[in-house]
Amino acid sequence: MATTSRGRAQDRAKVAGGQDHEVRYEAKKEGVSKDTVKKAVKSAGNSRKKVEAEIGRH
């Protein structure tokens, strides 16, 4: 796992729904709106694989 400049572990397998830059990145990557990503995080949890699968269903 990569570490941040503050020495904390960074988990790339999760989407932080409260972090605008992560939501924007995932929305652009999947070609959907930020609201769609936030709804997917809320219903599927913050696992990137589950969020992408949830977006793919709609």
N, C-alpha and C. Protein backbone atom coordinates (compact mmCIF):
# COMPACT_ATOMS: atom_id res chain seq x y z
N MET A 1 0.83 -1.17 0.00
CA MET A 1 0.00 0.00 0.00
C MET A 1 0.88 1.24 0.00
N ALA A 2 0.49 2.24 -0.74
CA ALA A 2 1.24 3.49 -0.80
C ALA A 2 1.00 4.30 0.46
N THR A 3 1.93 5.20 0.75
CA THR A 3 1.73 6.08 1.90
C THR A 3 1.64 7.52 1.44
N THR A 4 0.93 8.31 2.20
CA THR A 4 0.79 9.73 1.90
C THR A 4 1.98 10.49 2.45
N SER A 5 2.03 11.79 2.20
CA SER A 5 3.12 12.60 2.71
C SER A 5 3.11 12.66 4.23
N ARG A 6 1.96 12.38 4.83
CA ARG A 6 1.87 12.37 6.29
C ARG A 6 2.21 11.00 6.87
N GLY A 7 2.56 10.04 6.01
CA GLY A 7 2.94 8.72 6.48
C GLY A 7 1.78 7.77 6.69
N ARG A 8 0.59 8.16 6.30
CA ARG A 8 -0.58 7.30 6.46
C ARG A 8 -0.71 6.36 5.27
N ALA A 9 -1.29 5.22 5.52
CA ALA A 9 -1.53 4.27 4.43
C ALA A 9 -2.65 4.77 3.54
N GLN A 10 -2.50 4.58 2.25
CA GLN A 10 -3.50 5.02 1.28
C GLN A 10 -4.06 3.78 0.60
N ASP A 11 -5.36 3.60 0.68
CA ASP A 11 -6.00 2.41 0.14
C ASP A 11 -6.68 2.74 -1.18
N ARG A 12 -6.08 2.32 -2.27
CA ARG A 12 -6.61 2.63 -3.59
C ARG A 12 -7.78 1.73 -3.97
N ALA A 13 -8.08 0.74 -3.14
CA ALA A 13 -9.18 -0.18 -3.43
C ALA A 13 -10.51 0.36 -2.92
N LYS A 14 -10.48 1.56 -2.33
CA LYS A 14 -11.71 2.14 -1.77
C LYS A 14 -11.96 3.51 -2.37
N VAL A 15 -13.24 3.89 -2.43
CA VAL A 15 -13.64 5.21 -2.90
C VAL A 15 -14.18 5.98 -1.69
N ALA A 16 -13.55 7.09 -1.37
CA ALA A 16 -14.03 7.92 -0.26
C ALA A 16 -15.13 8.82 -0.81
N GLY A 17 -16.37 8.48 -0.50
CA GLY A 17 -17.52 9.22 -1.03
C GLY A 17 -17.57 10.66 -0.60
N GLY A 18 -16.93 11.00 0.52
CA GLY A 18 -16.91 12.36 1.01
C GLY A 18 -15.79 13.21 0.43
N GLN A 19 -14.89 12.59 -0.31
CA GLN A 19 -13.77 13.31 -0.90
C GLN A 19 -14.11 13.65 -2.35
N ASP A 20 -14.31 14.94 -2.60
CA ASP A 20 -14.76 15.39 -3.93
C ASP A 20 -13.82 14.95 -5.05
N HIS A 21 -12.51 15.00 -4.81
CA HIS A 21 -11.57 14.62 -5.88
C HIS A 21 -11.68 13.14 -6.23
N GLU A 22 -11.95 12.30 -5.24
CA GLU A 22 -12.10 10.87 -5.53
C GLU A 22 -13.40 10.59 -6.28
N VAL A 23 -14.45 11.28 -5.89
CA VAL A 23 -15.75 11.11 -6.56
C VAL A 23 -15.64 11.61 -8.00
N ARG A 24 -14.97 12.76 -8.20
CA ARG A 24 -14.78 13.32 -9.55
C ARG A 24 -13.98 12.36 -10.42
N TYR A 25 -12.91 11.79 -9.87
CA TYR A 25 -12.07 10.86 -10.62
C TYR A 25 -12.88 9.64 -11.08
N GLU A 26 -13.61 9.07 -10.14
CA GLU A 26 -14.39 7.86 -10.45
C GLU A 26 -15.49 8.18 -11.46
N ALA A 27 -16.11 9.34 -11.33
CA ALA A 27 -17.17 9.75 -12.27
C ALA A 27 -16.61 9.91 -13.68
N LYS A 28 -15.46 10.55 -13.79
CA LYS A 28 -14.84 10.76 -15.10
C LYS A 28 -14.41 9.42 -15.71
N LYS A 29 -13.84 8.57 -14.87
CA LYS A 29 -13.37 7.25 -15.32
C LYS A 29 -14.52 6.40 -15.85
N GLU A 30 -15.66 6.45 -15.15
CA GLU A 30 -16.81 5.63 -15.53
C GLU A 30 -17.75 6.33 -16.51
N GLY A 31 -17.55 7.64 -16.73
CA GLY A 31 -18.39 8.38 -17.67
C GLY A 31 -19.79 8.63 -17.13
N VAL A 32 -19.88 8.86 -15.83
CA VAL A 32 -21.17 9.13 -15.18
C VAL A 32 -21.06 10.41 -14.35
N SER A 33 -22.18 10.83 -13.75
CA SER A 33 -22.17 12.03 -12.93
C SER A 33 -21.64 11.74 -11.53
N LYS A 34 -21.26 12.80 -10.82
CA LYS A 34 -20.78 12.64 -9.44
C LYS A 34 -21.89 12.10 -8.55
N ASP A 35 -23.12 12.52 -8.80
CA ASP A 35 -24.25 12.03 -8.00
C ASP A 35 -24.41 10.53 -8.14
N THR A 36 -24.21 10.01 -9.35
CA THR A 36 -24.31 8.58 -9.59
C THR A 36 -23.27 7.82 -8.76
N VAL A 37 -22.05 8.36 -8.72
CA VAL A 37 -20.99 7.72 -7.95
C VAL A 37 -21.33 7.75 -6.46
N LYS A 38 -21.82 8.89 -5.97
CA LYS A 38 -22.17 9.01 -4.55
C LYS A 38 -23.28 8.03 -4.17
N LYS A 39 -24.26 7.88 -5.05
CA LYS A 39 -25.36 6.95 -4.79
C LYS A 39 -24.83 5.51 -4.79
N ALA A 40 -23.90 5.20 -5.70
CA ALA A 40 -23.33 3.86 -5.76
C ALA A 40 -22.52 3.56 -4.50
N VAL A 41 -21.77 4.55 -3.99
CA VAL A 41 -21.01 4.37 -2.76
C VAL A 41 -21.96 4.13 -1.59
N LYS A 42 -23.05 4.88 -1.58
CA LYS A 42 -24.02 4.75 -0.49
C LYS A 42 -24.69 3.37 -0.49
N SER A 43 -25.01 2.85 -1.68
CA SER A 43 -25.73 1.57 -1.73
C SER A 43 -24.79 0.35 -1.71
N ALA A 44 -23.60 0.46 -2.31
CA ALA A 44 -22.72 -0.70 -2.43
C ALA A 44 -21.57 -0.69 -1.43
N GLY A 45 -21.35 0.41 -0.74
CA GLY A 45 -20.20 0.51 0.15
C GLY A 45 -19.06 1.21 -0.57
N ASN A 46 -17.91 1.32 0.07
CA ASN A 46 -16.83 2.10 -0.52
C ASN A 46 -15.79 1.27 -1.27
N SER A 47 -16.01 0.00 -1.47
CA SER A 47 -15.10 -0.82 -2.26
C SER A 47 -15.17 -0.39 -3.72
N ARG A 48 -14.02 -0.08 -4.31
CA ARG A 48 -13.99 0.42 -5.69
C ARG A 48 -14.62 -0.59 -6.65
N LYS A 49 -14.34 -1.88 -6.47
CA LYS A 49 -14.91 -2.91 -7.35
C LYS A 49 -16.44 -2.95 -7.24
N LYS A 50 -16.95 -2.85 -6.02
CA LYS A 50 -18.40 -2.89 -5.83
C LYS A 50 -19.06 -1.64 -6.38
N VAL A 51 -18.41 -0.48 -6.21
CA VAL A 51 -18.96 0.77 -6.74
C VAL A 51 -19.01 0.69 -8.27
N GLU A 52 -17.94 0.23 -8.90
CA GLU A 52 -17.92 0.11 -10.36
C GLU A 52 -18.96 -0.88 -10.86
N ALA A 53 -19.15 -1.98 -10.11
CA ALA A 53 -20.17 -2.96 -10.49
C ALA A 53 -21.57 -2.34 -10.37
N GLU A 54 -21.79 -1.57 -9.31
CA GLU A 54 -23.09 -0.92 -9.10
C GLU A 54 -23.37 0.09 -10.22
N ILE A 55 -22.36 0.83 -10.62
CA ILE A 55 -22.53 1.81 -11.71
C ILE A 55 -22.81 1.07 -13.01
N GLY A 56 -22.18 -0.05 -13.22
CA GLY A 56 -22.38 -0.83 -14.44
C GLY A 56 -23.79 -1.40 -14.57
N ARG A 57 -24.47 -1.58 -13.45
CA ARG A 57 -25.84 -2.13 -13.47
C ARG A 57 -26.85 -1.10 -13.95
N HIS A 58 -26.53 0.16 -13.82
CA HIS A 58 -27.51 1.22 -14.17
C HIS A 58 -27.33 1.71 -15.57
